[in-house]
Each structure stands twice: as C-alpha cells, then as structure tokens.
C-alpha atoms as a PDB file:
ATOM      1  CA  MET A   1      21.968  39.509 -77.424  1.00  0.00           C
ATOM      2  CA  LEU A   2      18.801  39.211 -76.339  1.00  0.00           C
ATOM      3  CA  PRO A   3      17.328  35.313 -76.731  1.00  0.00           C
ATOM      4  CA  GLN A   4      14.052  34.751 -76.084  1.00  0.00           C
ATOM      5  CA  ALA A   5      12.352  31.197 -75.956  1.00  0.00           C
ATOM      6  CA  SER A   6       8.512  31.203 -76.446  1.00  0.00           C
ATOM      7  CA  SER A   7       6.073  28.366 -76.601  1.00  0.00           C
ATOM      8  CA  SER A   8       2.148  27.906 -77.405  1.00  0.00           C
ATOM      9  CA  LYS A   9       2.086  24.892 -75.057  1.00  0.00           C
ATOM     10  CA  LYS A  10       3.754  24.263 -71.849  1.00  0.00           C
ATOM     11  CA  ILE A  11       7.732  22.674 -71.886  1.00  0.00           C
ATOM     12  CA  ALA A  12       9.136  20.992 -69.405  1.00  0.00           C
ATOM     13  CA  PRO A  13      11.224  23.064 -66.810  1.00  0.00           C
ATOM     14  CA  ALA A  14      14.934  23.059 -67.293  1.00  0.00           C
ATOM     15  CA  PRO A  15      15.413  20.863 -70.362  1.00  0.00           C
ATOM     16  CA  VAL A  16      18.512  19.131 -71.563  1.00  0.00           C
ATOM     17  CA  ALA A  17      19.995  21.773 -73.809  1.00  0.00           C
ATOM     18  CA  PRO A  18      20.656  20.583 -77.577  1.00  0.00           C
ATOM     19  CA  LEU A  19      24.898  21.350 -76.517  1.00  0.00           C
ATOM     20  CA  ILE A  20      25.300  17.845 -75.029  1.00  0.00           C
ATOM     21  CA  PRO A  21      28.447  15.400 -76.154  1.00  0.00           C
ATOM     22  CA  SER A  22      27.136  12.867 -74.111  1.00  0.00           C
ATOM     23  CA  ASP A  23      25.029   9.910 -74.362  1.00  0.00           C
ATOM     24  CA  LEU A  24      21.463  10.954 -72.542  1.00  0.00           C
ATOM     25  CA  PRO A  25      18.114   9.790 -72.793  1.00  0.00           C
ATOM     26  CA  ARG A  26      16.240  10.793 -76.389  1.00  0.00           C
ATOM     27  CA  ILE A  27      14.718  14.689 -76.278  1.00  0.00           C
ATOM     28  CA  PRO A  28      10.940  14.207 -77.045  1.00  0.00           C
ATOM     29  CA  PRO A  29      10.133  14.609 -80.754  1.00  0.00           C
ATOM     30  CA  ASP A  30       7.084  16.998 -80.208  1.00  0.00           C
ATOM     31  CA  LEU A  31       8.976  19.162 -77.055  1.00  0.00           C
ATOM     32  CA  SER A  32       9.778  22.606 -79.135  1.00  0.00           C
ATOM     33  CA  CYS A  33       9.373  26.095 -78.548  1.00  0.00           C
ATOM     34  CA  PHE A  34      10.518  29.820 -80.681  1.00  0.00           C
ATOM     35  CA  VAL A  35      13.832  31.024 -80.175  1.00  0.00           C
ATOM     36  CA  LEU A  36      13.837  34.962 -81.481  1.00  0.00           C
ATOM     37  CA  TYR A  37      17.296  36.828 -80.636  1.00  0.00           C
ATOM     38  CA  GLU A  38      17.034  40.629 -81.146  1.00  0.00           C
ATOM     39  CA  PRO A  39      20.381  42.465 -81.122  1.00  0.00           C
ATOM     40  CA  LEU A  40      20.598  45.394 -78.310  1.00  0.00           C
ATOM     41  CA  ARG A  41      23.564  48.094 -78.882  1.00  0.00           C
ATOM     42  CA  PRO A  42      24.333  50.360 -76.497  1.00  0.00           C
ATOM     43  CA  ASN A  43      23.103  53.820 -76.656  1.00  0.00           C
ATOM     44  CA  TYR A  44      25.925  55.801 -75.440  1.00  0.00           C
ATOM     45  CA  ASP A  45      24.274  58.994 -76.103  1.00  0.00           C
ATOM     46  CA  LYS A  46      21.916  57.741 -72.849  1.00  0.00           C
ATOM     47  CA  GLN A  47      24.800  56.576 -71.131  1.00  0.00           C
ATOM     48  CA  PRO A  48      28.427  57.058 -71.153  1.00  0.00           C
ATOM     49  CA  ILE A  49      30.337  53.925 -71.446  1.00  0.00           C
ATOM     50  CA  ARG A  50      30.634  52.235 -68.161  1.00  0.00           C
ATOM     51  CA  VAL A  51      33.823  50.715 -66.539  1.00  0.00           C
ATOM     52  CA  GLY A  52      34.661  48.588 -63.728  1.00  0.00           C
ATOM     53  CA  THR A  53      37.712  47.693 -61.858  1.00  0.00           C
ATOM     54  CA  HIS A  54      38.727  44.576 -60.572  1.00  0.00           C
ATOM     55  CA  GLY A  55      42.488  43.143 -59.290  1.00  0.00           C
ATOM     56  CA  GLY A  56      43.848  45.868 -60.450  1.00  0.00           C
ATOM     57  CA  ASN A  57      42.432  45.698 -64.079  1.00  0.00           C
ATOM     58  CA  THR A  58      39.303  48.114 -65.875  1.00  0.00           C
ATOM     59  CA  PHE A  59      36.938  46.102 -67.900  1.00  0.00           C
ATOM     60  CA  TRP A  60      33.513  47.545 -70.107  1.00  0.00           C
ATOM     61  CA  ALA A  61      30.757  46.999 -68.058  1.00  0.00           C
ATOM     62  CA  PRO A  62      26.871  46.806 -70.237  1.00  0.00           C
ATOM     63  CA  PRO A  63      24.673  49.741 -69.749  1.00  0.00           C
ATOM     64  CA  ASN A  64      22.380  49.595 -66.714  1.00  0.00           C
ATOM     65  CA  ARG A  65      19.852  51.498 -67.919  1.00  0.00           C
ATOM     66  CA  LYS A  66      16.698  50.185 -69.714  1.00  0.00           C
ATOM     67  CA  ASN A  67      17.001  53.658 -72.489  1.00  0.00           C
ATOM     68  CA  ALA A  68      20.895  52.834 -73.029  1.00  0.00           C
ATOM     69  CA  TYR A  69      19.462  50.304 -75.267  1.00  0.00           C
ATOM     70  CA  LEU A  70      18.803  50.564 -79.147  1.00  0.00           C
ATOM     71  CA  ARG A  71      16.842  47.347 -79.972  1.00  0.00           C
ATOM     72  CA  ASP A  72      17.785  46.152 -83.915  1.00  0.00           C
ATOM     73  CA  LYS A  73      14.472  44.825 -84.543  1.00  0.00           C
ATOM     74  CA  ALA A  74      15.397  45.142 -88.190  1.00  0.00           C
ATOM     75  CA  SER A  75      18.433  42.302 -87.703  1.00  0.00           C
ATOM     76  CA  ALA A  76      16.362  40.317 -85.548  1.00  0.00           C
ATOM     77  CA  GLN A  77      16.061  36.044 -86.498  1.00  0.00           C
ATOM     78  CA  LEU A  78      13.139  33.662 -85.429  1.00  0.00           C
ATOM     79  CA  PHE A  79      13.878  29.453 -85.220  1.00  0.00           C
ATOM     80  CA  ARG A  80      11.395  27.122 -83.869  1.00  0.00           C
ATOM     81  CA  TRP A  81      13.466  24.602 -82.144  1.00  0.00           C
ATOM     82  CA  ILE A  82      12.307  21.183 -82.150  1.00  0.00           C
ATOM     83  CA  GLY A  83      13.438  17.555 -80.564  1.00  0.00           C
ATOM     84  CA  GLY A  84      16.216  18.920 -80.410  1.00  0.00           C
ATOM     85  CA  ARG A  85      16.844  20.691 -84.131  1.00  0.00           C
ATOM     86  CA  MET A  86      16.605  24.223 -84.556  1.00  0.00           C
ATOM     87  CA  THR A  87      14.642  25.916 -87.785  1.00  0.00           C
ATOM     88  CA  SER A  88      14.864  29.158 -88.860  1.00  0.00           C
ATOM     89  CA  ILE A  89      11.343  30.568 -89.634  1.00  0.00           C
ATOM     90  CA  THR A  90       9.429  33.826 -90.754  1.00  0.00           C
ATOM     91  CA  ALA A  91       8.074  36.072 -88.647  1.00  0.00           C
ATOM     92  CA  GLY A  92       5.262  35.048 -86.911  1.00  0.00           C
ATOM     93  CA  ASP A  93       2.750  36.426 -84.279  1.00  0.00           C
ATOM     94  CA  LEU A  94       4.132  35.573 -81.052  1.00  0.00           C
ATOM     95  CA  ASN A  95       2.027  37.616 -78.882  1.00  0.00           C
ATOM     96  CA  LYS A  96      -0.454  34.395 -78.427  1.00  0.00           C
ATOM     97  CA  CYS A  97       2.070  32.243 -77.101  1.00  0.00           C
ATOM     98  CA  THR A  98       3.712  32.155 -73.340  1.00  0.00           C
ATOM     99  CA  THR A  99       7.176  33.389 -72.945  1.00  0.00           C
ATOM    100  CA  TYR A 100       8.708  30.762 -70.994  1.00  0.00           C
ATOM    101  CA  ALA A 101      12.132  32.646 -70.949  1.00  0.00           C
ATOM    102  CA  VAL A 102      14.675  35.618 -71.368  1.00  0.00           C
ATOM    103  CA  ALA A 103      17.765  36.915 -71.133  1.00  0.00           C
ATOM    104  CA  THR A 104      20.176  39.129 -72.204  1.00  0.00           C
ATOM    105  CA  ILE A 105      23.668  38.876 -72.308  1.00  0.00           C
ATOM    106  CA  PHE A 106      27.169  40.567 -73.581  1.00  0.00           C
ATOM    107  CA  THR A 107      30.415  39.257 -74.193  1.00  0.00           C
ATOM    108  CA  GLN A 108      33.551  41.558 -72.284  1.00  0.00           C
ATOM    109  CA  TRP A 109      36.215  40.441 -75.040  1.00  0.00           C
ATOM    110  CA  PRO A 110      39.434  41.739 -75.040  1.00  0.00           C
ATOM    111  CA  ASP A 111      38.840  42.587 -71.563  1.00  0.00           C
ATOM    112  CA  THR A 112      37.873  39.551 -69.893  1.00  0.00           C
ATOM    113  CA  PRO A 113      36.882  36.390 -71.283  1.00  0.00           C
ATOM    114  CA  HIS A 114      33.546  36.194 -69.671  1.00  0.00           C
ATOM    115  CA  LEU A 115      30.117  36.083 -70.313  1.00  0.00           C
ATOM    116  CA  LEU A 116      27.608  38.947 -68.758  1.00  0.00           C
ATOM    117  CA  ALA A 117      24.125  38.405 -68.434  1.00  0.00           C
ATOM    118  CA  VAL A 118      20.544  38.744 -66.892  1.00  0.00           C
ATOM    119  CA  THR A 119      17.890  36.765 -67.415  1.00  0.00           C
ATOM    120  CA  PHE A 120      15.378  39.687 -67.808  1.00  0.00           C
ATOM    121  CA  ASP A 121      15.115  41.896 -70.828  1.00  0.00           C
ATOM    122  CA  ALA A 122      17.643  44.878 -69.903  1.00  0.00           C
ATOM    123  CA  GLU A 123      15.955  47.231 -72.579  1.00  0.00           C
ATOM    124  CA  LYS A 124      12.721  46.717 -70.339  1.00  0.00           C
ATOM    125  CA  LYS A 125      14.162  46.790 -67.108  1.00  0.00           C
ATOM    126  CA  ASP A 126      17.190  48.587 -65.480  1.00  0.00           C
ATOM    127  CA  VAL A 127      20.193  46.190 -64.394  1.00  0.00           C
ATOM    128  CA  VAL A 128      20.502  47.406 -60.839  1.00  0.00           C
ATOM    129  CA  GLU A 129      21.567  45.717 -57.753  1.00  0.00           C
ATOM    130  CA  GLU A 130      17.870  45.148 -56.868  1.00  0.00           C
ATOM    131  CA  ASN A 131      17.259  43.318 -59.611  1.00  0.00           C
ATOM    132  CA  GLY A 132      20.807  40.676 -59.636  1.00  0.00           C
ATOM    133  CA  GLY A 133      22.426  43.336 -61.405  1.00  0.00           C
ATOM    134  CA  TRP A 134      25.352  42.170 -64.248  1.00  0.00           C
ATOM    135  CA  LYS A 135      26.774  38.081 -63.393  1.00  0.00           C
ATOM    136  CA  VAL A 136      28.985  36.228 -65.024  1.00  0.00           C
ATOM    137  CA  LEU A 137      27.622  32.676 -66.316  1.00  0.00           C
ATOM    138  CA  SER A 138      27.560  30.109 -63.319  1.00  0.00           C
ATOM    139  CA  PHE A 139      27.056  26.797 -62.497  1.00  0.00           C
ATOM    140  CA  ASP A 140      25.068  24.174 -60.262  1.00  0.00           C
ATOM    141  CA  TYR A 141      26.247  20.721 -60.440  1.00  0.00           C
ATOM    142  CA  VAL A 142      23.208  18.247 -60.531  1.00  0.00           C
ATOM    143  CA  PRO A 143      23.698  14.420 -60.441  1.00  0.00           C
ATOM    144  CA  GLN A 144      22.710  12.261 -63.245  1.00  0.00           C
ATOM    145  CA  PRO A 145      20.230  10.015 -61.845  1.00  0.00           C
ATOM    146  CA  GLY A 146      22.075   5.593 -62.192  1.00  0.00           C
ATOM    147  CA  THR A 147      25.412   6.965 -63.330  1.00  0.00           C
ATOM    148  CA  GLN A 148      28.963   9.185 -62.484  1.00  0.00           C
ATOM    149  CA  GLY A 149      27.565  12.106 -64.277  1.00  0.00           C
ATOM    150  CA  ILE A 150      27.229  15.215 -63.462  1.00  0.00           C
ATOM    151  CA  TYR A 151      25.332  17.865 -65.525  1.00  0.00           C
ATOM    152  CA  SER A 152      26.393  21.608 -65.116  1.00  0.00           C
ATOM    153  CA  SER A 153      23.675  23.915 -64.935  1.00  0.00           C
ATOM    154  CA  VAL A 154      24.256  26.653 -66.330  1.00  0.00           C
ATOM    155  CA  SER A 155      22.988  30.069 -64.510  1.00  0.00           C
ATOM    156  CA  VAL A 156      23.605  33.764 -63.532  1.00  0.00           C
ATOM    157  CA  ALA A 157      22.892  32.498 -60.209  1.00  0.00           C
ATOM    158  CA  GLY A 158      25.083  29.187 -59.721  1.00  0.00           C
ATOM    159  CA  GLY A 159      27.294  28.491 -56.913  1.00  0.00           C
ATOM    160  CA  LYS A 160      30.543  27.791 -59.142  1.00  0.00           C
ATOM    161  CA  GLN A 161      32.524  29.703 -61.460  1.00  0.00           C
ATOM    162  CA  GLN A 162      33.543  26.594 -63.502  1.00  0.00           C
ATOM    163  CA  ILE A 163      31.607  23.462 -65.287  1.00  0.00           C
ATOM    164  CA  ALA A 164      31.652  20.221 -62.989  1.00  0.00           C
ATOM    165  CA  ALA A 165      33.936  17.870 -65.453  1.00  0.00           C
ATOM    166  CA  PRO A 166      36.074  18.219 -68.753  1.00  0.00           C
ATOM    167  CA  GLY A 167      34.134  20.010 -71.158  1.00  0.00           C
ATOM    168  CA  SER A 168      33.937  18.117 -74.434  1.00  0.00           C
ATOM    169  CA  PRO A 169      37.037  19.655 -77.479  1.00  0.00           C
ATOM    170  CA  ALA A 170      33.465  20.422 -79.460  1.00  0.00           C
ATOM    171  CA  TRP A 171      32.046  22.714 -77.523  1.00  0.00           C
ATOM    172  CA  VAL A 172      34.905  24.248 -75.229  1.00  0.00           C
ATOM    173  CA  PRO A 173      36.235  26.574 -75.760  1.00  0.00           C
ATOM    174  CA  GLN A 174      33.905  27.103 -78.919  1.00  0.00           C
ATOM    175  CA  LEU A 175      30.624  27.841 -77.300  1.00  0.00           C
ATOM    176  CA  LEU A 176      32.014  28.116 -73.626  1.00  0.00           C
ATOM    177  CA  PRO A 177      35.659  30.517 -73.462  1.00  0.00           C
ATOM    178  CA  LYS A 178      37.780  28.341 -71.317  1.00  0.00           C
ATOM    179  CA  VAL A 179      37.260  30.875 -68.246  1.00  0.00           C
ATOM    180  CA  TYR A 180      34.232  28.252 -67.261  1.00  0.00           C
ATOM    181  CA  ASP A 181      36.077  24.621 -67.897  1.00  0.00           C
ATOM    182  CA  PHE A 182      36.511  22.527 -65.777  1.00  0.00           C
ATOM    183  CA  ASP A 183      38.966  23.074 -63.084  1.00  0.00           C
ATOM    184  CA  PRO A 184      41.240  20.130 -61.696  1.00  0.00           C
ATOM    185  CA  ARG A 185      43.015  22.067 -59.515  1.00  0.00           C
ATOM    186  CA  PRO A 186      40.999  20.893 -55.752  1.00  0.00           C
ATOM    187  CA  ASN A 187      41.479  17.483 -54.320  1.00  0.00           C
ATOM    188  CA  ARG A 188      38.250  15.692 -55.860  1.00  0.00           C
ATOM    189  CA  PRO A 189      37.828  11.524 -54.408  1.00  0.00           C
ATOM    190  CA  GLN A 190      37.135  10.508 -58.306  1.00  0.00           C
ATOM    191  CA  HIS A 191      37.945  11.874 -61.774  1.00  0.00           C
ATOM    192  CA  PRO A 192      33.760  13.466 -62.580  1.00  0.00           C
ATOM    193  CA  VAL A 193      32.252  12.683 -65.986  1.00  0.00           C
ATOM    194  CA  SER A 194      30.914  15.259 -67.862  1.00  0.00           C
ATOM    195  CA  ALA A 195      26.619  14.741 -68.251  1.00  0.00           C
ATOM    196  CA  GLY A 196      25.967  17.892 -70.323  1.00  0.00           C
ATOM    197  CA  LEU A 197      24.911  21.267 -69.605  1.00  0.00           C
ATOM    198  CA  ILE A 198      21.370  22.037 -68.896  1.00  0.00           C
ATOM    199  CA  GLY A 199      19.601  25.537 -67.528  1.00  0.00           C
ATOM    200  CA  ASN A 200      18.056  28.350 -68.358  1.00  0.00           C
ATOM    201  CA  LEU A 201      16.805  27.847 -71.330  1.00  0.00           C
ATOM    202  CA  ALA A 202      17.687  31.485 -72.790  1.00  0.00           C
ATOM    203  CA  LEU A 203      21.213  30.830 -71.442  1.00  0.00           C
ATOM    204  CA  LEU A 204      21.551  27.635 -73.757  1.00  0.00           C
ATOM    205  CA  PHE A 205      19.868  29.089 -76.345  1.00  0.00           C
ATOM    206  CA  ALA A 206      22.316  32.322 -76.007  1.00  0.00           C
ATOM    207  CA  ILE A 207      25.587  30.348 -76.136  1.00  0.00           C
ATOM    208  CA  PRO A 208      25.779  28.948 -79.478  1.00  0.00           C
ATOM    209  CA  ALA A 209      24.798  32.607 -81.035  1.00  0.00           C
ATOM    210  CA  PHE A 210      28.481  33.875 -79.643  1.00  0.00           C
ATOM    211  CA  SER A 211      30.710  30.632 -81.586  1.00  0.00           C
ATOM    212  CA  ALA A 212      30.773  32.980 -84.637  1.00  0.00           C
ATOM    213  CA  LEU A 213      29.506  36.267 -86.258  1.00  0.00           C
ATOM    214  CA  PRO A 214      25.764  37.688 -85.950  1.00  0.00           C
ATOM    215  CA  GLY A 215      25.366  36.910 -89.856  1.00  0.00           C
ATOM    216  CA  ALA A 216      26.494  33.055 -89.452  1.00  0.00           C
ATOM    217  CA  LEU A 217      23.463  33.112 -86.374  1.00  0.00           C
ATOM    218  CA  SER A 218      20.859  30.613 -89.014  1.00  0.00           C
ATOM    219  CA  HIS A 219      24.219  28.554 -90.643  1.00  0.00           C
ATOM    220  CA  ILE A 220      25.584  27.720 -87.110  1.00  0.00           C
ATOM    221  CA  LEU A 221      22.028  27.186 -85.111  1.00  0.00           C
ATOM    222  CA  THR A 222      20.246  25.114 -88.211  1.00  0.00           C
ATOM    223  CA  ARG A 223      23.511  23.622 -89.061  1.00  0.00           C
ATOM    224  CA  TYR A 224      25.465  22.763 -86.286  1.00  0.00           C
ATOM    225  CA  MET A 225      23.051  22.127 -83.065  1.00  0.00           C
ATOM    226  CA  GLN A 226      21.519  18.945 -83.225  1.00  0.00           C
ATOM    227  CA  PRO A 227      19.852  16.813 -80.841  1.00  0.00           C
ATOM    228  CA  ASN A 228      21.952  16.716 -77.643  1.00  0.00           C
ATOM    229  CA  ARG A 229      24.971  17.626 -79.745  1.00  0.00           C
ATOM    230  CA  TRP A 230      26.800  20.069 -80.813  1.00  0.00           C
ATOM    231  CA  HIS A 231      29.154  19.966 -84.134  1.00  0.00           C
ATOM    232  CA  ARG A 232      32.121  22.185 -84.098  1.00  0.00           C
ATOM    233  CA  HIS A 233      32.497  24.698 -86.764  1.00  0.00           C
ATOM    234  CA  GLN A 234      35.527  26.279 -88.605  1.00  0.00           C
ATOM    235  CA  LEU A 235      33.649  29.525 -88.722  1.00  0.00           C
ATOM    236  CA  GLN A 236      35.400  32.910 -86.910  1.00  0.00           C
ATOM    237  CA  HIS A 237      34.266  33.164 -83.584  1.00  0.00           C
ATOM    238  CA  GLY A 238      31.961  35.881 -82.149  1.00  0.00           C
ATOM    239  CA  ARG A 239      33.177  36.214 -78.811  1.00  0.00           C
ATOM    240  CA  GLU A 240      36.547  37.635 -79.605  1.00  0.00           C
ATOM    241  CA  CYS A 241      35.369  39.668 -82.878  1.00  0.00           C
ATOM    242  CA  HIS A 242      36.088  44.161 -82.449  1.00  0.00           C
ATOM    243  CA  GLY A 243      32.571  45.819 -82.451  1.00  0.00           C
ATOM    244  CA  ILE A 244      30.628  42.192 -81.385  1.00  0.00           C
ATOM    245  CA  ARG A 245      29.514  43.894 -78.148  1.00  0.00           C
ATOM    246  CA  ARG A 246      30.148  47.792 -78.912  1.00  0.00           C
END
C-alpha cells in the first residue's frame, strides 16, 4: 500500500490524525490535502521471496529492490482530506501539488502481527540500510500541553515499540495490532492517559486502510474516519486476510 499526501497549499507538520478518540482542539476546517492510495505488489520474477529470521522464527519480508514491484494504477484511489473528513474524488492532476509525505507499508501476517514501512516510495528507491531499511512501526511519546495526556507519535524511527497509553477499544486492535498497544509491565509513577495518535501523515493515512479489505477502502475512509475520532466498523479485517501482503 502506497499512501501519498499532497497539497496545493502548506499544511502544518505532524497534524493531529483523524484517528484520535479523545477530546482535542478542533481540526481547522480549511486544513486539507489530497491522499492517493496506490497498491504495490511484489514482482517475484525480479526478486525472489525474501525471508528473515528472528528468535528462531522465520518471516516474510517485502522486496528491497525498487524494480521488484508492480504498481496497480488501475486500483489507485484518490481522496481529499479536509477538516478531518475523507471524501472520495475522481482522479485529477496532482502534478501541480506539493508532495507532503509518502509511505510504503506492508503487513507481515501471518508470520508476525507487525506492519513494515518506509517513508518513501519503494518502487522509486531501493529499501537498503543506507535508506533506513524496512522498519516496524514505532512511536515517540509527546506530552499534551496543559494536561496529563500523552500523544503517541507514529514513525519508523521512534524510540518505543508500543503506544504511550492504553488504546481505545474503538481503534485497538482495529487500527493498530495489539502488539503495539500499551505495555503496562514497566513500573510507572502514574497511569498514563492517551491523547491519541500524531506523527507521520502518510503513515497515519495508511493505518486505517489495513482495517478492511482493499475493496472497502472508500467505504471505511469516508464513513468511519471522522474529525478527531475513529468509529469502529464490523467489516472483515484487511491485515489478517490471505493474499493481502503478497
């Protein structure tokens, strides 16, 4: 999955995602961008299936060569995100827009529950260690000013493997796999309060796309992604369906 956020005007860095279950300042109604989803499929004729090992377990890994992908332009979908809401639109000319953020993201199910990502187009640049390599989602903790809340800032270079506070049942595990949920085992001086998700814009838009099958993308984005809130749906999950990653 290759989500790309583009805008014809500047938008604030690291805006609050429209996935947040808590009370937050209202998203400005004129804050907007275009979001393009383009499926990338591994081309095993160009690079054989890659398999990694960790702790005695083997797992599938996406190709790391830029020529080892097939871009499914026929299945590309374009949306406009404005004021925290997604609207499906017909394909337009994005060449005049400034690309704000790009990410390529794959699920590793059933080998692991993780999502692997890079913050660039894996069909245009090799995913080698010099470019960071494939990374699992990670987080940094950002205090919410004036409250006891803590934001979980999602990226591929965060210092933490779990979110900063217990996730709402509305979006864990539907948006984030349970492996990323708050870990209560370390000793903490007080029980943390979740302020929600912020961080890399392309990753934030990619995460909900995996909550259902590809054919339901428009349905879930336009109906269940609301300003500052994710409404849980009952559709078949996308991360754990055979054939999604490969």
